[in-house]
């Protein structure tokens, strides 16, 4: 078994197929800059299954509906902490809410 080469083995067409499966199934829109994330997270799964190419993995996905859910879990960040991204709440507190408050005062 040959190891997966991180980055070079996932063609743009394969990445687009993975993006489409994820978007159509769970509504997550992976941007082009997420390719390295997909490669790093899926390369482990390919090794577990004994696949050396993403083409082979995509073929497997077509015939294995349960694997699609496993792929989702590999790719998505499975953290349920509501406050895990502090900078989002900092933005709300320091930028958005003050503007909203000003708009409410004007009415």
N, C-alpha and C. Protein backbone atom coordinates (compact mmCIF):
# COMPACT_ATOMS: atom_id res chain seq x y z
N UNK A 1 0.85 -1.19 0.00
CA UNK A 1 0.00 0.00 0.00
C UNK A 1 0.89 1.24 0.00
N UNK A 2 0.60 2.16 -0.89
CA UNK A 2 1.34 3.40 -0.99
C UNK A 2 0.64 4.47 -0.16
N UNK A 3 1.42 5.31 0.48
CA UNK A 3 0.84 6.37 1.29
C UNK A 3 0.24 7.46 0.41
N UNK A 4 -0.76 8.14 0.93
CA UNK A 4 -1.37 9.27 0.24
C UNK A 4 -0.42 10.45 0.35
N UNK A 5 -0.16 11.10 -0.77
CA UNK A 5 0.67 12.31 -0.78
C UNK A 5 -0.24 13.48 -0.43
N UNK A 6 -0.02 14.09 0.72
CA UNK A 6 -0.88 15.17 1.18
C UNK A 6 -0.85 16.35 0.23
N UNK A 7 -1.95 16.61 -0.44
CA UNK A 7 -2.10 17.78 -1.26
C UNK A 7 -2.10 17.51 -2.74
N UNK A 8 -1.15 16.72 -3.22
CA UNK A 8 -1.03 16.60 -4.67
C UNK A 8 -1.97 15.56 -5.26
N UNK A 9 -2.46 14.62 -4.48
CA UNK A 9 -3.29 13.57 -5.04
C UNK A 9 -4.75 13.97 -5.21
N UNK A 10 -5.19 15.00 -4.54
CA UNK A 10 -6.58 15.43 -4.65
C UNK A 10 -6.67 16.44 -5.79
N UNK A 11 -7.21 15.99 -6.90
CA UNK A 11 -7.31 16.87 -8.07
C UNK A 11 -8.41 17.90 -7.87
N UNK A 12 -8.39 18.97 -8.63
CA UNK A 12 -9.49 19.94 -8.53
C UNK A 12 -10.86 19.31 -8.79
N UNK A 13 -10.92 18.37 -9.72
CA UNK A 13 -12.18 17.71 -10.02
C UNK A 13 -12.67 16.86 -8.85
N UNK A 14 -11.75 16.15 -8.21
CA UNK A 14 -12.10 15.33 -7.04
C UNK A 14 -12.55 16.21 -5.88
N UNK A 15 -11.82 17.31 -5.69
CA UNK A 15 -12.19 18.24 -4.62
C UNK A 15 -13.59 18.80 -4.88
N UNK A 16 -13.88 19.13 -6.13
CA UNK A 16 -15.20 19.64 -6.48
C UNK A 16 -16.27 18.59 -6.21
N UNK A 17 -15.99 17.33 -6.49
CA UNK A 17 -16.95 16.27 -6.22
C UNK A 17 -17.22 16.15 -4.73
N UNK A 18 -16.18 16.21 -3.93
CA UNK A 18 -16.33 16.15 -2.47
C UNK A 18 -17.12 17.35 -1.98
N UNK A 19 -16.78 18.53 -2.48
CA UNK A 19 -17.52 19.75 -2.11
C UNK A 19 -19.00 19.61 -2.43
N UNK A 20 -19.31 19.08 -3.60
CA UNK A 20 -20.70 18.93 -4.04
C UNK A 20 -21.45 17.94 -3.15
N UNK A 21 -20.82 16.81 -2.84
CA UNK A 21 -21.46 15.81 -1.96
C UNK A 21 -21.79 16.44 -0.62
N UNK A 22 -20.84 17.15 -0.06
CA UNK A 22 -21.04 17.76 1.26
C UNK A 22 -22.11 18.84 1.21
N UNK A 23 -22.05 19.68 0.20
CA UNK A 23 -23.05 20.75 0.11
C UNK A 23 -24.46 20.18 -0.12
N UNK A 24 -24.57 19.25 -1.05
CA UNK A 24 -25.89 18.68 -1.36
C UNK A 24 -26.47 17.88 -0.20
N UNK A 25 -25.61 17.29 0.60
CA UNK A 25 -26.08 16.43 1.70
C UNK A 25 -26.33 17.17 3.00
N UNK A 26 -25.40 18.05 3.38
CA UNK A 26 -25.56 18.70 4.69
C UNK A 26 -25.51 20.23 4.63
N UNK A 27 -25.39 20.79 3.42
CA UNK A 27 -25.47 22.23 3.26
C UNK A 27 -24.22 23.00 3.65
N UNK A 28 -23.12 22.32 3.88
CA UNK A 28 -21.86 23.00 4.21
C UNK A 28 -21.14 23.33 2.90
N UNK A 29 -20.81 24.61 2.73
CA UNK A 29 -20.16 25.07 1.52
C UNK A 29 -18.66 25.20 1.77
N UNK A 30 -17.92 24.22 1.31
CA UNK A 30 -16.46 24.26 1.47
C UNK A 30 -15.86 25.16 0.41
N UNK A 31 -15.12 26.16 0.83
CA UNK A 31 -14.45 27.06 -0.09
C UNK A 31 -13.16 26.42 -0.59
N UNK A 32 -12.62 26.98 -1.65
CA UNK A 32 -11.39 26.47 -2.25
C UNK A 32 -10.24 26.41 -1.24
N UNK A 33 -10.22 27.37 -0.32
CA UNK A 33 -9.12 27.41 0.67
C UNK A 33 -9.22 26.29 1.71
N UNK A 34 -10.25 25.46 1.64
CA UNK A 34 -10.40 24.33 2.56
C UNK A 34 -9.86 23.03 2.00
N UNK A 35 -9.24 23.08 0.83
CA UNK A 35 -8.72 21.87 0.20
C UNK A 35 -7.70 21.17 1.10
N UNK A 36 -6.79 21.92 1.69
CA UNK A 36 -5.77 21.29 2.54
C UNK A 36 -6.42 20.66 3.78
N UNK A 37 -7.47 21.27 4.30
CA UNK A 37 -8.19 20.68 5.43
C UNK A 37 -8.81 19.35 5.02
N UNK A 38 -9.44 19.33 3.85
CA UNK A 38 -10.06 18.10 3.35
C UNK A 38 -9.00 17.02 3.18
N UNK A 39 -7.88 17.39 2.59
CA UNK A 39 -6.80 16.41 2.37
C UNK A 39 -6.29 15.87 3.70
N UNK A 40 -6.03 16.75 4.65
CA UNK A 40 -5.47 16.28 5.92
C UNK A 40 -6.45 15.40 6.68
N UNK A 41 -7.72 15.75 6.64
CA UNK A 41 -8.70 14.97 7.40
C UNK A 41 -9.12 13.68 6.70
N UNK A 42 -9.16 13.70 5.36
CA UNK A 42 -9.56 12.49 4.65
C UNK A 42 -8.41 11.54 4.39
N UNK A 43 -7.18 12.03 4.38
CA UNK A 43 -6.05 11.14 4.09
C UNK A 43 -5.96 10.02 5.13
N UNK A 44 -6.28 10.33 6.37
CA UNK A 44 -6.29 9.29 7.42
C UNK A 44 -7.34 8.23 7.13
N UNK A 45 -8.50 8.70 6.67
CA UNK A 45 -9.58 7.76 6.36
C UNK A 45 -9.22 6.87 5.18
N UNK A 46 -8.60 7.44 4.16
CA UNK A 46 -8.18 6.65 3.01
C UNK A 46 -7.19 5.58 3.43
N UNK A 47 -6.27 5.94 4.31
CA UNK A 47 -5.29 4.96 4.80
C UNK A 47 -5.98 3.84 5.55
N UNK A 48 -6.97 4.19 6.39
CA UNK A 48 -7.71 3.17 7.14
C UNK A 48 -8.39 2.18 6.21
N UNK A 49 -8.89 2.69 5.09
CA UNK A 49 -9.61 1.84 4.14
C UNK A 49 -8.68 1.15 3.14
N UNK A 50 -7.42 1.53 3.12
CA UNK A 50 -6.46 0.93 2.20
C UNK A 50 -6.48 1.53 0.81
N UNK A 51 -7.04 2.73 0.66
CA UNK A 51 -7.09 3.39 -0.64
C UNK A 51 -5.87 4.28 -0.82
N UNK A 52 -5.34 4.31 -2.03
CA UNK A 52 -4.18 5.16 -2.31
C UNK A 52 -4.54 6.36 -3.17
N UNK A 53 -5.81 6.42 -3.61
CA UNK A 53 -6.25 7.56 -4.42
C UNK A 53 -7.61 8.05 -3.95
N UNK A 54 -7.84 9.33 -4.17
CA UNK A 54 -9.15 9.90 -3.86
C UNK A 54 -10.20 9.42 -4.86
N UNK A 55 -9.77 9.12 -6.09
CA UNK A 55 -10.69 8.58 -7.09
C UNK A 55 -11.31 7.29 -6.58
N UNK A 56 -10.49 6.42 -6.03
CA UNK A 56 -10.99 5.15 -5.48
C UNK A 56 -11.92 5.41 -4.32
N UNK A 57 -11.58 6.37 -3.47
CA UNK A 57 -12.45 6.71 -2.34
C UNK A 57 -13.79 7.24 -2.81
N UNK A 58 -13.79 8.09 -3.83
CA UNK A 58 -15.05 8.62 -4.36
C UNK A 58 -15.91 7.51 -4.94
N UNK A 59 -15.30 6.53 -5.57
CA UNK A 59 -16.06 5.38 -6.07
C UNK A 59 -16.68 4.62 -4.90
N UNK A 60 -15.91 4.45 -3.85
CA UNK A 60 -16.40 3.77 -2.65
C UNK A 60 -17.58 4.53 -2.04
N UNK A 61 -17.50 5.86 -2.02
CA UNK A 61 -18.59 6.67 -1.48
C UNK A 61 -19.91 6.42 -2.21
N UNK A 62 -19.83 6.25 -3.53
CA UNK A 62 -21.04 6.03 -4.32
C UNK A 62 -21.76 4.75 -3.92
N UNK A 63 -21.01 3.76 -3.48
CA UNK A 63 -21.59 2.45 -3.16
C UNK A 63 -21.73 2.20 -1.67
N UNK A 64 -21.39 3.19 -0.87
CA UNK A 64 -21.41 2.99 0.57
C UNK A 64 -22.04 4.20 1.27
N UNK A 65 -23.36 4.23 1.37
CA UNK A 65 -24.03 5.37 1.99
C UNK A 65 -23.56 5.66 3.41
N UNK A 66 -23.22 4.61 4.15
CA UNK A 66 -22.76 4.84 5.53
C UNK A 66 -21.41 5.56 5.56
N UNK A 67 -20.62 5.40 4.51
CA UNK A 67 -19.32 6.07 4.44
C UNK A 67 -19.48 7.58 4.28
N UNK A 68 -20.57 8.00 3.67
CA UNK A 68 -20.80 9.44 3.50
C UNK A 68 -20.89 10.10 4.87
N UNK A 69 -21.58 9.49 5.81
CA UNK A 69 -21.66 10.05 7.16
C UNK A 69 -20.30 10.05 7.84
N UNK A 70 -19.52 9.02 7.62
CA UNK A 70 -18.17 8.98 8.19
C UNK A 70 -17.33 10.11 7.61
N UNK A 71 -17.46 10.34 6.30
CA UNK A 71 -16.74 11.44 5.66
C UNK A 71 -17.14 12.79 6.27
N UNK A 72 -18.44 13.00 6.50
CA UNK A 72 -18.89 14.24 7.12
C UNK A 72 -18.21 14.44 8.47
N UNK A 73 -18.17 13.39 9.26
CA UNK A 73 -17.55 13.48 10.58
C UNK A 73 -16.05 13.74 10.50
N UNK A 74 -15.41 13.22 9.47
CA UNK A 74 -13.98 13.47 9.29
C UNK A 74 -13.71 14.92 8.93
N UNK A 75 -14.55 15.48 8.08
CA UNK A 75 -14.31 16.81 7.54
C UNK A 75 -14.80 17.93 8.45
N UNK A 76 -15.94 17.73 9.09
CA UNK A 76 -16.50 18.80 9.89
C UNK A 76 -15.85 18.86 11.27
N UNK A 77 -15.92 20.04 11.86
CA UNK A 77 -15.41 20.24 13.21
C UNK A 77 -16.53 19.88 14.16
N UNK A 78 -16.34 18.83 14.91
CA UNK A 78 -17.40 18.31 15.77
C UNK A 78 -17.28 18.83 17.20
N UNK A 79 -17.30 20.13 17.32
CA UNK A 79 -17.26 20.76 18.63
C UNK A 79 -18.62 21.38 18.85
N UNK A 80 -19.23 21.08 19.96
CA UNK A 80 -20.57 21.58 20.23
C UNK A 80 -20.58 22.78 21.17
N UNK A 81 -19.44 23.23 21.58
CA UNK A 81 -19.38 24.38 22.47
C UNK A 81 -19.87 25.62 21.74
N UNK A 82 -20.94 26.20 22.22
CA UNK A 82 -21.54 27.36 21.57
C UNK A 82 -20.56 28.53 21.51
N UNK A 83 -19.75 28.71 22.53
CA UNK A 83 -18.85 29.85 22.60
C UNK A 83 -17.43 29.51 22.15
N UNK A 84 -17.26 28.54 21.27
CA UNK A 84 -15.92 28.10 20.91
C UNK A 84 -15.14 29.13 20.10
N UNK A 85 -15.82 30.06 19.43
CA UNK A 85 -15.15 31.08 18.62
C UNK A 85 -15.34 32.44 19.27
N UNK A 86 -14.51 32.75 20.25
CA UNK A 86 -14.66 33.98 21.04
C UNK A 86 -14.67 35.23 20.18
N UNK A 87 -13.88 35.27 19.13
CA UNK A 87 -13.80 36.49 18.30
C UNK A 87 -15.14 36.83 17.65
N UNK A 88 -16.02 35.84 17.44
CA UNK A 88 -17.34 36.14 16.90
C UNK A 88 -18.16 36.95 17.90
N UNK A 89 -18.06 36.58 19.15
CA UNK A 89 -18.81 37.29 20.17
C UNK A 89 -18.19 38.64 20.49
N UNK A 90 -16.89 38.74 20.36
CA UNK A 90 -16.23 40.04 20.51
C UNK A 90 -16.73 41.00 19.44
N UNK A 91 -16.87 40.51 18.22
CA UNK A 91 -17.38 41.34 17.13
C UNK A 91 -18.80 41.80 17.43
N UNK A 92 -19.63 40.86 17.86
CA UNK A 92 -21.01 41.23 18.20
C UNK A 92 -21.04 42.31 19.28
N UNK A 93 -20.27 42.11 20.32
CA UNK A 93 -20.27 43.04 21.44
C UNK A 93 -19.70 44.41 21.08
N UNK A 94 -18.62 44.42 20.32
CA UNK A 94 -17.90 45.67 20.08
C UNK A 94 -18.32 46.40 18.81
N UNK A 95 -18.95 45.72 17.87
CA UNK A 95 -19.28 46.36 16.60
C UNK A 95 -20.77 46.31 16.28
N UNK A 96 -21.31 45.12 16.23
CA UNK A 96 -22.68 44.96 15.76
C UNK A 96 -23.72 45.49 16.76
N UNK A 97 -23.63 45.07 18.00
CA UNK A 97 -24.64 45.49 18.98
C UNK A 97 -24.64 47.00 19.22
N UNK A 98 -23.49 47.67 19.29
CA UNK A 98 -23.54 49.13 19.41
C UNK A 98 -24.24 49.81 18.23
N UNK A 99 -24.01 49.30 17.02
CA UNK A 99 -24.69 49.88 15.85
C UNK A 99 -26.19 49.62 15.92
N UNK A 100 -26.55 48.43 16.35
CA UNK A 100 -27.96 48.09 16.49
C UNK A 100 -28.62 48.99 17.53
N UNK A 101 -27.92 49.22 18.61
CA UNK A 101 -28.44 50.10 19.67
C UNK A 101 -28.63 51.51 19.16
N UNK A 102 -27.69 52.03 18.39
CA UNK A 102 -27.81 53.36 17.80
C UNK A 102 -28.99 53.45 16.86
N UNK A 103 -29.19 52.43 16.07
CA UNK A 103 -30.32 52.40 15.14
C UNK A 103 -31.64 52.40 15.89
N UNK A 104 -31.71 51.68 17.00
CA UNK A 104 -32.93 51.61 17.81
C UNK A 104 -33.23 52.98 18.44
N UNK A 105 -32.20 53.69 18.85
CA UNK A 105 -32.39 55.02 19.46
C UNK A 105 -32.94 56.03 18.46
N UNK A 106 -32.61 55.87 17.20
CA UNK A 106 -33.05 56.80 16.16
C UNK A 106 -34.52 56.63 15.80
N UNK A 107 -35.10 55.51 16.17
CA UNK A 107 -36.51 55.25 15.80
C UNK A 107 -37.47 55.84 16.78
